[in-house]
Amino acid sequence: MKPWSELDPEDSTPVTPSFPRWEKSFVSGPGSTLFRVEHSVSRKDPQVLFTKVRFLPHAEGPPGHVHGGATAALLDEVMGIVVWHHGHASLTQNIKIEFKRAIPLAEACLVVTRIESISGRKVEVSSIVFDSPGRSLVTGTGTFHRLSPEQLSRFKSSP
């Protein structure tokens, strides 16, 4: 696995989220009032998802800055997207977020997310939000629980 510093978001292929009904997501969906996002997968390390994000005014928490809950929702979503993209139909078991710096509302950011390990039905994922100069603003880790075929069929058939 390549170090974070060696990953190039320009050397990637655009992707659309593959989880059911993604277009209704308040994070990645086209109707989101919090974010505008573009997802792509690294050509050098296909376990890596790049997400270019622009936070919209409804994501505001502290004046002029992004709400921590909006950031947590974004990281949960991008971690889930990379897991589903690799064929692991999963639900979030837990996430841990560390806020290092407040994100200015007008800041264009890059989120780099990757699968760290898979063990049984658990998929471990990590994510970092970078500002345009490349400083780490927020980090997150998550555990995703892979669904059994029966669970997945119930999940896909729910209204």
Protein backbone atom coordinates (compact mmCIF):
# COMPACT_ATOMS: atom_id res chain seq x y z
CA MET A 1 0.00 0.00 0.00
CA LYS A 2 1.40 3.38 -1.01
CA PRO A 3 1.95 6.12 1.60
CA TRP A 4 -0.65 8.91 1.55
CA SER A 5 1.94 11.38 0.20
CA GLU A 6 2.53 9.27 -2.94
CA LEU A 7 -1.11 9.21 -4.02
CA ASP A 8 -2.12 11.50 -6.88
CA PRO A 9 -5.82 12.39 -7.21
CA GLU A 10 -5.24 13.41 -10.82
CA ASP A 11 -4.24 9.82 -11.64
CA SER A 12 -7.68 8.41 -10.95
CA THR A 13 -10.87 7.22 -12.61
CA PRO A 14 -14.24 8.86 -11.80
CA VAL A 15 -16.76 6.60 -10.05
CA THR A 16 -20.40 6.78 -9.03
CA PRO A 17 -21.36 5.33 -5.64
CA SER A 18 -22.63 1.77 -5.98
CA PHE A 19 -24.70 1.38 -2.84
CA PRO A 20 -28.50 1.14 -3.25
CA ARG A 21 -30.33 4.43 -3.74
CA TRP A 22 -27.16 6.52 -3.44
CA GLU A 23 -28.84 9.28 -5.42
CA LYS A 24 -31.07 9.94 -2.37
CA SER A 25 -28.08 10.43 -0.08
CA PHE A 26 -27.97 13.80 1.64
CA VAL A 27 -24.18 13.63 1.30
CA SER A 28 -23.40 12.32 -2.21
CA GLY A 29 -26.79 12.66 -3.84
CA PRO A 30 -27.33 15.34 -6.47
CA GLY A 31 -29.85 17.10 -4.22
CA SER A 32 -27.44 17.54 -1.32
CA THR A 33 -27.66 20.96 0.31
CA LEU A 34 -24.47 20.34 2.33
CA PHE A 35 -21.85 19.25 -0.20
CA ARG A 36 -20.81 19.03 -3.82
CA VAL A 37 -18.66 15.96 -4.30
CA GLU A 38 -16.75 14.18 -7.07
CA HIS A 39 -15.49 10.66 -6.40
CA SER A 40 -12.67 8.84 -8.20
CA VAL A 41 -10.57 5.72 -7.63
CA SER A 42 -6.77 5.77 -7.75
CA ARG A 43 -5.21 4.02 -10.74
CA LYS A 44 -2.04 3.26 -8.71
CA ASP A 45 -3.81 1.87 -5.64
CA PRO A 46 -7.39 0.77 -6.37
CA GLN A 47 -8.14 0.49 -2.63
CA VAL A 48 -8.06 4.32 -2.54
CA LEU A 49 -11.00 6.65 -3.16
CA PHE A 50 -10.45 10.35 -3.77
CA THR A 51 -13.33 12.72 -3.07
CA LYS A 52 -13.15 16.36 -4.06
CA VAL A 53 -15.59 18.24 -1.86
CA ARG A 54 -16.94 21.74 -1.63
CA PHE A 55 -18.97 22.52 1.46
CA LEU A 56 -22.17 24.50 0.87
CA PRO A 57 -23.69 27.13 3.22
CA HIS A 58 -26.05 24.60 4.89
CA ALA A 59 -22.99 22.72 6.23
CA GLU A 60 -22.07 25.68 8.45
CA GLY A 61 -21.54 25.13 12.16
CA PRO A 62 -19.29 27.70 13.84
CA PRO A 63 -19.47 30.97 11.89
CA GLY A 64 -17.67 30.57 8.58
CA HIS A 65 -16.71 26.94 9.26
CA VAL A 66 -18.07 23.46 8.59
CA HIS A 67 -20.17 21.75 11.28
CA GLY A 68 -18.43 18.71 12.80
CA GLY A 69 -21.53 16.57 12.21
CA ALA A 70 -21.45 17.45 8.51
CA THR A 71 -17.80 16.40 8.37
CA ALA A 72 -18.58 13.15 10.21
CA ALA A 73 -21.41 12.41 7.75
CA LEU A 74 -19.05 13.04 4.83
CA LEU A 75 -16.41 10.66 6.21
CA ASP A 76 -19.00 7.96 6.96
CA GLU A 77 -20.25 8.26 3.40
CA VAL A 78 -16.87 8.16 1.65
CA MET A 79 -15.70 5.23 3.78
CA GLY A 80 -18.88 3.38 2.86
CA ILE A 81 -18.45 4.24 -0.82
CA VAL A 82 -14.95 2.72 -1.02
CA VAL A 83 -16.18 -0.43 0.77
CA TRP A 84 -19.20 -0.88 -1.53
CA HIS A 85 -17.10 -0.04 -4.61
CA HIS A 86 -14.95 -3.08 -3.84
CA GLY A 87 -17.96 -5.38 -3.60
CA HIS A 88 -18.35 -5.41 0.17
CA ALA A 89 -22.03 -4.67 0.75
CA SER A 90 -21.76 -3.30 4.28
CA LEU A 91 -23.20 -1.08 6.94
CA THR A 92 -21.26 1.16 9.29
CA GLN A 93 -20.45 -0.57 12.56
CA ASN A 94 -18.52 2.36 14.04
CA ILE A 95 -16.58 5.43 13.05
CA LYS A 96 -14.04 7.52 14.94
CA ILE A 97 -13.35 11.10 13.89
CA GLU A 98 -10.46 13.32 15.01
CA PHE A 99 -10.83 17.02 14.28
CA LYS A 100 -7.38 18.65 13.95
CA ARG A 101 -8.38 22.02 12.46
CA ALA A 102 -11.68 23.70 11.70
CA ILE A 103 -12.59 23.55 8.01
CA PRO A 104 -13.38 26.97 6.51
CA LEU A 105 -16.75 26.82 4.79
CA ALA A 106 -15.39 28.11 1.46
CA GLU A 107 -12.44 25.65 1.46
CA ALA A 108 -12.22 23.14 -1.38
CA CYS A 109 -10.98 19.91 0.20
CA LEU A 110 -9.72 16.53 -0.86
CA VAL A 111 -10.74 13.46 1.10
CA VAL A 112 -8.51 10.41 0.66
CA THR A 113 -10.06 7.16 1.82
CA ARG A 114 -8.77 3.63 1.69
CA ILE A 115 -9.49 0.11 2.80
CA GLU A 116 -6.89 -0.85 5.39
CA SER A 117 -7.87 -4.47 6.07
CA ILE A 118 -10.56 -7.10 5.69
CA SER A 119 -11.07 -9.79 8.31
CA GLY A 120 -14.10 -12.04 8.20
CA ARG A 121 -17.10 -9.76 7.84
CA LYS A 122 -15.27 -6.64 9.05
CA VAL A 123 -13.75 -4.09 6.69
CA GLU A 124 -11.45 -1.48 8.29
CA VAL A 125 -11.20 1.87 6.51
CA SER A 126 -9.34 5.15 7.06
CA SER A 127 -9.92 8.63 5.70
CA ILE A 128 -8.19 12.02 5.80
CA VAL A 129 -9.57 15.44 4.83
CA PHE A 130 -6.89 17.70 3.34
CA ASP A 131 -7.16 21.41 2.58
CA SER A 132 -5.84 22.83 -0.70
CA PRO A 133 -2.28 23.38 0.66
CA GLY A 134 -2.28 19.70 1.68
CA ARG A 135 -2.65 20.02 5.46
CA SER A 136 -4.55 17.29 7.29
CA LEU A 137 -7.72 18.79 8.80
CA VAL A 138 -9.72 15.76 9.91
CA THR A 139 -8.97 12.05 10.13
CA GLY A 140 -11.36 9.18 10.51
CA THR A 141 -11.41 5.44 10.82
CA GLY A 142 -14.32 3.10 10.46
CA THR A 143 -15.34 -0.49 10.75
CA PHE A 144 -17.93 -1.72 8.27
CA HIS A 145 -19.83 -4.96 8.78
CA ARG A 146 -20.35 -6.94 5.59
CA LEU A 147 -23.92 -8.05 5.03
CA SER A 148 -24.86 -11.66 4.48
CA PRO A 149 -26.69 -12.37 1.20
CA GLU A 150 -29.95 -12.63 3.16
CA GLN A 151 -29.37 -9.28 4.89
CA LEU A 152 -28.46 -7.66 1.59
CA SER A 153 -31.64 -8.89 -0.11
CA ARG A 154 -33.76 -7.46 2.73
CA PHE A 155 -31.82 -4.21 2.58
CA LYS A 156 -32.28 -3.84 -1.18
CA SER A 157 -36.00 -4.68 -1.06
CA SER A 158 -36.94 -2.20 1.68
CA PRO A 159 -39.07 0.75 0.53
